Amino acid sequence: MSEAPLRYSREELAEFEQIIQEKLTAARKEVAFIKETLSRKNDSGTDNTASSSKVLEDGADTAEKESLNQLASRQMKFIQQLENALIRIKNGTYGVCIGTGKLIPKERLRAVPHTQHSIEAKMARRD
């Protein structure tokens, strides 16, 4: 009878590291795109439309900027979580549930590579 492993192998960690790096690259590109879009929104341009429609446009622009800022903020948080996961890979704690101390299933880590909780621990936290 063999015991369940306490850590993932180097090969397994390399697979997760690659997944995380790909997600980091995509997330950073998205943040760059959002920032570029926001900087273009800040340019007022040469559009001199009628004042009544301009007020409506300003309101829509403000709402869109706020939405883009929230999206950028969420992406930055996601990037930080992915970077923290890379640190856990380097220090050997990646894939270990902080709630149960057991290995998080590979399927979960492939889907949510920055997680620190197994489904079991996540469900227990909600109760």
N, C-alpha and C. Protein backbone atom coordinates (compact mmCIF):
# COMPACT_ATOMS: atom_id res chain seq x y z
N MET A 1 0.84 -1.19 0.00
CA MET A 1 0.00 0.00 0.00
C MET A 1 0.88 1.24 0.00
N SER A 2 0.74 2.09 -1.01
CA SER A 2 1.58 3.29 -1.10
C SER A 2 0.83 4.51 -0.59
N GLU A 3 1.60 5.39 0.02
CA GLU A 3 1.01 6.62 0.53
C GLU A 3 0.85 7.63 -0.60
N ALA A 4 -0.10 8.52 -0.46
CA ALA A 4 -0.28 9.58 -1.45
C ALA A 4 0.93 10.51 -1.37
N PRO A 5 1.43 10.96 -2.52
CA PRO A 5 2.60 11.85 -2.50
C PRO A 5 2.25 13.18 -1.84
N LEU A 6 3.26 13.78 -1.21
CA LEU A 6 3.07 15.06 -0.53
C LEU A 6 3.39 16.25 -1.43
N ARG A 7 4.12 15.99 -2.53
CA ARG A 7 4.52 17.05 -3.45
C ARG A 7 4.45 16.52 -4.88
N TYR A 8 4.36 17.43 -5.83
CA TYR A 8 4.42 17.05 -7.23
C TYR A 8 5.88 16.93 -7.66
N SER A 9 6.12 16.08 -8.66
CA SER A 9 7.48 15.88 -9.17
C SER A 9 7.93 17.11 -9.96
N ARG A 10 9.23 17.17 -10.25
CA ARG A 10 9.76 18.28 -11.04
C ARG A 10 9.10 18.36 -12.41
N GLU A 11 8.87 17.19 -13.01
CA GLU A 11 8.24 17.16 -14.33
C GLU A 11 6.81 17.72 -14.27
N GLU A 12 6.09 17.32 -13.23
CA GLU A 12 4.72 17.81 -13.07
C GLU A 12 4.73 19.32 -12.81
N LEU A 13 5.66 19.77 -11.98
CA LEU A 13 5.76 21.20 -11.70
C LEU A 13 6.13 21.99 -12.96
N ALA A 14 6.96 21.40 -13.81
CA ALA A 14 7.34 22.06 -15.07
C ALA A 14 6.10 22.25 -15.96
N GLU A 15 5.21 21.25 -15.96
CA GLU A 15 3.97 21.37 -16.73
C GLU A 15 3.12 22.53 -16.21
N PHE A 16 2.97 22.61 -14.88
CA PHE A 16 2.18 23.68 -14.28
C PHE A 16 2.83 25.03 -14.52
N GLU A 17 4.16 25.08 -14.46
CA GLU A 17 4.87 26.33 -14.69
C GLU A 17 4.60 26.84 -16.11
N GLN A 18 4.59 25.92 -17.06
CA GLN A 18 4.32 26.31 -18.45
C GLN A 18 2.90 26.86 -18.59
N ILE A 19 1.93 26.20 -17.97
CA ILE A 19 0.54 26.67 -18.00
C ILE A 19 0.46 28.08 -17.42
N ILE A 20 1.11 28.28 -16.29
CA ILE A 20 1.08 29.58 -15.61
C ILE A 20 1.74 30.65 -16.48
N GLN A 21 2.89 30.32 -17.08
CA GLN A 21 3.58 31.28 -17.93
C GLN A 21 2.70 31.70 -19.11
N GLU A 22 2.00 30.74 -19.71
CA GLU A 22 1.10 31.06 -20.83
C GLU A 22 -0.03 31.98 -20.38
N LYS A 23 -0.59 31.68 -19.21
CA LYS A 23 -1.67 32.53 -18.70
C LYS A 23 -1.15 33.92 -18.34
N LEU A 24 0.06 33.99 -17.80
CA LEU A 24 0.67 35.28 -17.47
C LEU A 24 0.87 36.12 -18.72
N THR A 25 1.38 35.51 -19.76
CA THR A 25 1.60 36.23 -21.02
C THR A 25 0.29 36.79 -21.56
N ALA A 26 -0.75 35.96 -21.57
CA ALA A 26 -2.06 36.41 -22.06
C ALA A 26 -2.63 37.53 -21.19
N ALA A 27 -2.51 37.39 -19.88
CA ALA A 27 -3.05 38.40 -18.96
C ALA A 27 -2.31 39.72 -19.10
N ARG A 28 -0.99 39.66 -19.26
CA ARG A 28 -0.21 40.89 -19.43
C ARG A 28 -0.55 41.59 -20.74
N LYS A 29 -0.78 40.81 -21.79
CA LYS A 29 -1.19 41.40 -23.07
C LYS A 29 -2.53 42.09 -22.92
N GLU A 30 -3.44 41.46 -22.19
CA GLU A 30 -4.77 42.05 -22.01
C GLU A 30 -4.68 43.35 -21.21
N VAL A 31 -3.86 43.37 -20.18
CA VAL A 31 -3.69 44.60 -19.39
C VAL A 31 -3.09 45.70 -20.26
N ALA A 32 -2.11 45.37 -21.08
CA ALA A 32 -1.51 46.36 -21.98
C ALA A 32 -2.55 46.92 -22.95
N PHE A 33 -3.40 46.04 -23.47
CA PHE A 33 -4.45 46.47 -24.38
C PHE A 33 -5.44 47.40 -23.67
N ILE A 34 -5.82 47.04 -22.46
CA ILE A 34 -6.77 47.87 -21.69
C ILE A 34 -6.16 49.24 -21.42
N LYS A 35 -4.88 49.25 -21.02
CA LYS A 35 -4.21 50.53 -20.74
C LYS A 35 -4.13 51.38 -22.00
N GLU A 36 -3.84 50.75 -23.12
CA GLU A 36 -3.78 51.47 -24.39
C GLU A 36 -5.15 52.04 -24.74
N THR A 37 -6.19 51.25 -24.54
CA THR A 37 -7.55 51.71 -24.81
C THR A 37 -7.90 52.88 -23.91
N LEU A 38 -7.54 52.78 -22.64
CA LEU A 38 -7.82 53.88 -21.70
C LEU A 38 -7.07 55.14 -22.09
N SER A 39 -5.83 55.02 -22.52
CA SER A 39 -5.07 56.22 -22.88
C SER A 39 -5.65 56.87 -24.13
N ARG A 40 -6.19 56.06 -25.05
CA ARG A 40 -6.85 56.63 -26.23
C ARG A 40 -8.15 57.30 -25.83
N LYS A 41 -8.83 56.75 -24.83
CA LYS A 41 -10.09 57.35 -24.36
C LYS A 41 -9.83 58.72 -23.73
N ASN A 42 -8.63 58.89 -23.16
CA ASN A 42 -8.31 60.16 -22.52
C ASN A 42 -8.01 61.26 -23.53
N ASP A 43 -7.72 60.88 -24.76
CA ASP A 43 -7.52 61.87 -25.82
C ASP A 43 -8.89 62.36 -26.25
N SER A 44 -9.14 63.64 -26.12
CA SER A 44 -10.46 64.15 -26.47
C SER A 44 -10.67 64.22 -27.97
N GLY A 45 -9.60 64.24 -28.72
CA GLY A 45 -9.73 64.27 -30.17
C GLY A 45 -10.20 65.63 -30.65
N THR A 46 -10.63 65.69 -31.90
CA THR A 46 -11.07 66.96 -32.49
C THR A 46 -12.56 66.96 -32.75
N ASP A 47 -13.26 66.09 -32.08
CA ASP A 47 -14.69 65.94 -32.30
C ASP A 47 -15.46 67.04 -31.58
N ASN A 48 -16.04 67.96 -32.34
CA ASN A 48 -16.85 69.03 -31.75
C ASN A 48 -18.31 68.82 -32.12
N THR A 49 -18.99 67.96 -31.38
CA THR A 49 -20.40 67.66 -31.66
C THR A 49 -21.29 68.60 -30.86
N ALA A 50 -22.55 68.53 -31.12
CA ALA A 50 -23.52 69.37 -30.41
C ALA A 50 -23.44 69.08 -28.91
N SER A 51 -23.64 70.09 -28.10
CA SER A 51 -23.45 69.98 -26.66
C SER A 51 -24.39 68.97 -26.00
N SER A 52 -25.64 68.86 -26.46
CA SER A 52 -26.58 67.93 -25.81
C SER A 52 -26.15 66.49 -26.00
N SER A 53 -25.68 66.13 -27.18
CA SER A 53 -25.22 64.75 -27.39
C SER A 53 -23.87 64.53 -26.73
N LYS A 54 -23.09 65.58 -26.58
CA LYS A 54 -21.78 65.48 -25.95
C LYS A 54 -21.91 65.06 -24.48
N VAL A 55 -22.93 65.56 -23.79
CA VAL A 55 -23.16 65.20 -22.39
C VAL A 55 -23.43 63.70 -22.28
N LEU A 56 -24.25 63.16 -23.18
CA LEU A 56 -24.55 61.73 -23.18
C LEU A 56 -23.29 60.92 -23.47
N GLU A 57 -22.50 61.37 -24.43
CA GLU A 57 -21.27 60.67 -24.77
C GLU A 57 -20.29 60.67 -23.60
N ASP A 58 -20.21 61.81 -22.90
CA ASP A 58 -19.31 61.90 -21.75
C ASP A 58 -19.71 60.89 -20.68
N GLY A 59 -21.00 60.75 -20.45
CA GLY A 59 -21.48 59.78 -19.46
C GLY A 59 -21.15 58.35 -19.87
N ALA A 60 -21.34 58.05 -21.14
CA ALA A 60 -21.01 56.71 -21.65
C ALA A 60 -19.51 56.47 -21.58
N ASP A 61 -18.72 57.50 -21.93
CA ASP A 61 -17.26 57.37 -21.85
C ASP A 61 -16.80 57.11 -20.42
N THR A 62 -17.40 57.82 -19.47
CA THR A 62 -17.04 57.65 -18.07
C THR A 62 -17.36 56.23 -17.60
N ALA A 63 -18.54 55.74 -17.96
CA ALA A 63 -18.93 54.38 -17.58
C ALA A 63 -17.99 53.35 -18.21
N GLU A 64 -17.63 53.57 -19.46
CA GLU A 64 -16.73 52.64 -20.14
C GLU A 64 -15.33 52.66 -19.50
N LYS A 65 -14.85 53.85 -19.16
CA LYS A 65 -13.55 53.97 -18.51
C LYS A 65 -13.56 53.24 -17.16
N GLU A 66 -14.63 53.42 -16.42
CA GLU A 66 -14.74 52.76 -15.12
C GLU A 66 -14.74 51.25 -15.29
N SER A 67 -15.48 50.77 -16.27
CA SER A 67 -15.53 49.34 -16.55
C SER A 67 -14.15 48.81 -16.95
N LEU A 68 -13.45 49.54 -17.80
CA LEU A 68 -12.10 49.14 -18.21
C LEU A 68 -11.12 49.15 -17.03
N ASN A 69 -11.26 50.15 -16.16
CA ASN A 69 -10.40 50.21 -14.97
C ASN A 69 -10.64 49.01 -14.06
N GLN A 70 -11.90 48.62 -13.89
CA GLN A 70 -12.21 47.45 -13.07
C GLN A 70 -11.65 46.18 -13.69
N LEU A 71 -11.77 46.06 -15.00
CA LEU A 71 -11.23 44.90 -15.70
C LEU A 71 -9.71 44.85 -15.56
N ALA A 72 -9.06 45.99 -15.71
CA ALA A 72 -7.60 46.05 -15.55
C ALA A 72 -7.20 45.67 -14.13
N SER A 73 -7.96 46.13 -13.15
CA SER A 73 -7.68 45.82 -11.76
C SER A 73 -7.80 44.32 -11.49
N ARG A 74 -8.84 43.70 -12.04
CA ARG A 74 -9.01 42.25 -11.87
C ARG A 74 -7.86 41.48 -12.54
N GLN A 75 -7.47 41.95 -13.72
CA GLN A 75 -6.37 41.29 -14.42
C GLN A 75 -5.05 41.43 -13.65
N MET A 76 -4.83 42.59 -13.05
CA MET A 76 -3.61 42.80 -12.26
C MET A 76 -3.60 41.87 -11.03
N LYS A 77 -4.75 41.69 -10.42
CA LYS A 77 -4.86 40.77 -9.28
C LYS A 77 -4.58 39.34 -9.73
N PHE A 78 -5.12 38.96 -10.89
CA PHE A 78 -4.90 37.63 -11.46
C PHE A 78 -3.41 37.42 -11.75
N ILE A 79 -2.78 38.43 -12.32
CA ILE A 79 -1.33 38.35 -12.60
C ILE A 79 -0.56 38.14 -11.31
N GLN A 80 -0.91 38.87 -10.26
CA GLN A 80 -0.23 38.72 -8.97
C GLN A 80 -0.40 37.31 -8.43
N GLN A 81 -1.61 36.75 -8.56
CA GLN A 81 -1.86 35.39 -8.09
C GLN A 81 -1.04 34.37 -8.88
N LEU A 82 -0.92 34.58 -10.19
CA LEU A 82 -0.11 33.68 -11.02
C LEU A 82 1.37 33.79 -10.64
N GLU A 83 1.84 35.01 -10.41
CA GLU A 83 3.24 35.20 -10.01
C GLU A 83 3.50 34.54 -8.65
N ASN A 84 2.54 34.63 -7.75
CA ASN A 84 2.68 33.96 -6.45
C ASN A 84 2.74 32.44 -6.63
N ALA A 85 1.97 31.92 -7.59
CA ALA A 85 1.99 30.48 -7.87
C ALA A 85 3.38 30.07 -8.37
N LEU A 86 4.00 30.91 -9.19
CA LEU A 86 5.37 30.61 -9.66
C LEU A 86 6.35 30.56 -8.49
N ILE A 87 6.17 31.43 -7.53
CA ILE A 87 7.01 31.43 -6.33
C ILE A 87 6.82 30.13 -5.56
N ARG A 88 5.56 29.68 -5.46
CA ARG A 88 5.28 28.42 -4.76
C ARG A 88 5.91 27.24 -5.50
N ILE A 89 5.96 27.30 -6.82
CA ILE A 89 6.63 26.23 -7.58
C ILE A 89 8.12 26.22 -7.20
N LYS A 90 8.73 27.40 -7.16
CA LYS A 90 10.16 27.50 -6.85
C LYS A 90 10.48 27.03 -5.43
N ASN A 91 9.60 27.35 -4.48
CA ASN A 91 9.91 26.96 -3.09
C ASN A 91 9.31 25.62 -2.68
N GLY A 92 8.66 24.93 -3.64
CA GLY A 92 8.22 23.56 -3.38
C GLY A 92 6.89 23.41 -2.68
N THR A 93 6.12 24.48 -2.57
CA THR A 93 4.83 24.37 -1.88
C THR A 93 3.65 24.37 -2.86
N TYR A 94 3.93 24.46 -4.16
CA TYR A 94 2.86 24.52 -5.16
C TYR A 94 2.07 23.22 -5.18
N GLY A 95 0.74 23.38 -5.27
CA GLY A 95 -0.14 22.22 -5.41
C GLY A 95 -0.56 21.60 -4.10
N VAL A 96 -0.10 22.14 -2.99
CA VAL A 96 -0.49 21.62 -1.68
C VAL A 96 -1.58 22.53 -1.12
N CYS A 97 -2.71 21.96 -0.80
CA CYS A 97 -3.85 22.72 -0.27
C CYS A 97 -3.50 23.31 1.09
N ILE A 98 -3.73 24.61 1.23
CA ILE A 98 -3.42 25.24 2.52
C ILE A 98 -4.48 24.93 3.58
N GLY A 99 -5.61 24.37 3.14
CA GLY A 99 -6.67 24.00 4.08
C GLY A 99 -6.54 22.59 4.60
N THR A 100 -6.19 21.65 3.71
CA THR A 100 -6.14 20.24 4.10
C THR A 100 -4.73 19.67 4.18
N GLY A 101 -3.76 20.35 3.53
CA GLY A 101 -2.40 19.84 3.50
C GLY A 101 -2.19 18.72 2.48
N LYS A 102 -3.25 18.39 1.75
CA LYS A 102 -3.16 17.34 0.73
C LYS A 102 -2.87 17.97 -0.64
N LEU A 103 -2.43 17.11 -1.56
CA LEU A 103 -2.20 17.59 -2.92
C LEU A 103 -3.53 17.96 -3.58
N ILE A 104 -3.51 19.09 -4.26
CA ILE A 104 -4.68 19.52 -5.05
C ILE A 104 -4.64 18.69 -6.33
N PRO A 105 -5.76 18.11 -6.75
CA PRO A 105 -5.77 17.30 -7.98
C PRO A 105 -5.26 18.08 -9.20
N LYS A 106 -4.55 17.37 -10.05
CA LYS A 106 -3.96 17.99 -11.24
C LYS A 106 -5.02 18.66 -12.11
N GLU A 107 -6.19 18.05 -12.22
CA GLU A 107 -7.25 18.61 -13.06
C GLU A 107 -7.63 20.01 -12.57
N ARG A 108 -7.71 20.17 -11.26
CA ARG A 108 -8.05 21.48 -10.70
C ARG A 108 -6.94 22.48 -10.96
N LEU A 109 -5.70 22.05 -10.80
CA LEU A 109 -4.58 22.96 -11.02
C LEU A 109 -4.47 23.36 -12.50
N ARG A 110 -4.81 22.45 -13.39
CA ARG A 110 -4.79 22.80 -14.82
C ARG A 110 -5.86 23.84 -15.13
N ALA A 111 -7.00 23.73 -14.48
CA ALA A 111 -8.10 24.66 -14.71
C ALA A 111 -7.89 26.00 -13.99
N VAL A 112 -7.38 25.93 -12.76
CA VAL A 112 -7.17 27.12 -11.93
C VAL A 112 -5.75 27.03 -11.35
N PRO A 113 -4.73 27.32 -12.16
CA PRO A 113 -3.36 27.06 -11.74
C PRO A 113 -2.87 27.90 -10.57
N HIS A 114 -3.57 28.95 -10.21
CA HIS A 114 -3.14 29.79 -9.09
C HIS A 114 -3.83 29.42 -7.78
N THR A 115 -4.68 28.41 -7.79
CA THR A 115 -5.43 28.06 -6.58
C THR A 115 -4.51 27.52 -5.47
N GLN A 116 -4.93 27.74 -4.26
CA GLN A 116 -4.23 27.19 -3.10
C GLN A 116 -5.16 26.27 -2.30
N HIS A 117 -6.35 26.03 -2.84
CA HIS A 117 -7.35 25.22 -2.14
C HIS A 117 -7.86 24.09 -3.02
N SER A 118 -8.00 22.94 -2.41
CA SER A 118 -8.68 21.84 -3.09
C SER A 118 -10.17 22.16 -3.09
N ILE A 119 -10.93 21.45 -3.90
CA ILE A 119 -12.39 21.64 -3.91
C ILE A 119 -12.95 21.36 -2.52
N GLU A 120 -12.42 20.32 -1.89
CA GLU A 120 -12.86 19.94 -0.54
C GLU A 120 -12.70 21.12 0.43
N ALA A 121 -11.55 21.75 0.43
CA ALA A 121 -11.29 22.88 1.32
C ALA A 121 -12.12 24.10 0.93
N LYS A 122 -12.27 24.32 -0.35
CA LYS A 122 -13.07 25.46 -0.83
C LYS A 122 -14.53 25.33 -0.40
N MET A 123 -15.07 24.13 -0.52
CA MET A 123 -16.46 23.90 -0.11
C MET A 123 -16.61 24.05 1.41
N ALA A 124 -15.64 23.61 2.16
CA ALA A 124 -15.69 23.72 3.61
C ALA A 124 -15.67 25.18 4.05
N ARG A 125 -14.96 26.03 3.31
CA ARG A 125 -14.88 27.45 3.64
C ARG A 125 -16.23 28.15 3.44
N ARG A 126 -17.02 27.66 2.51
CA ARG A 126 -18.32 28.29 2.21
C ARG A 126 -19.37 27.97 3.26
N ASP A 127 -19.21 26.90 3.97
CA ASP A 127 -20.22 26.48 4.95
C ASP A 127 -20.18 27.30 6.22
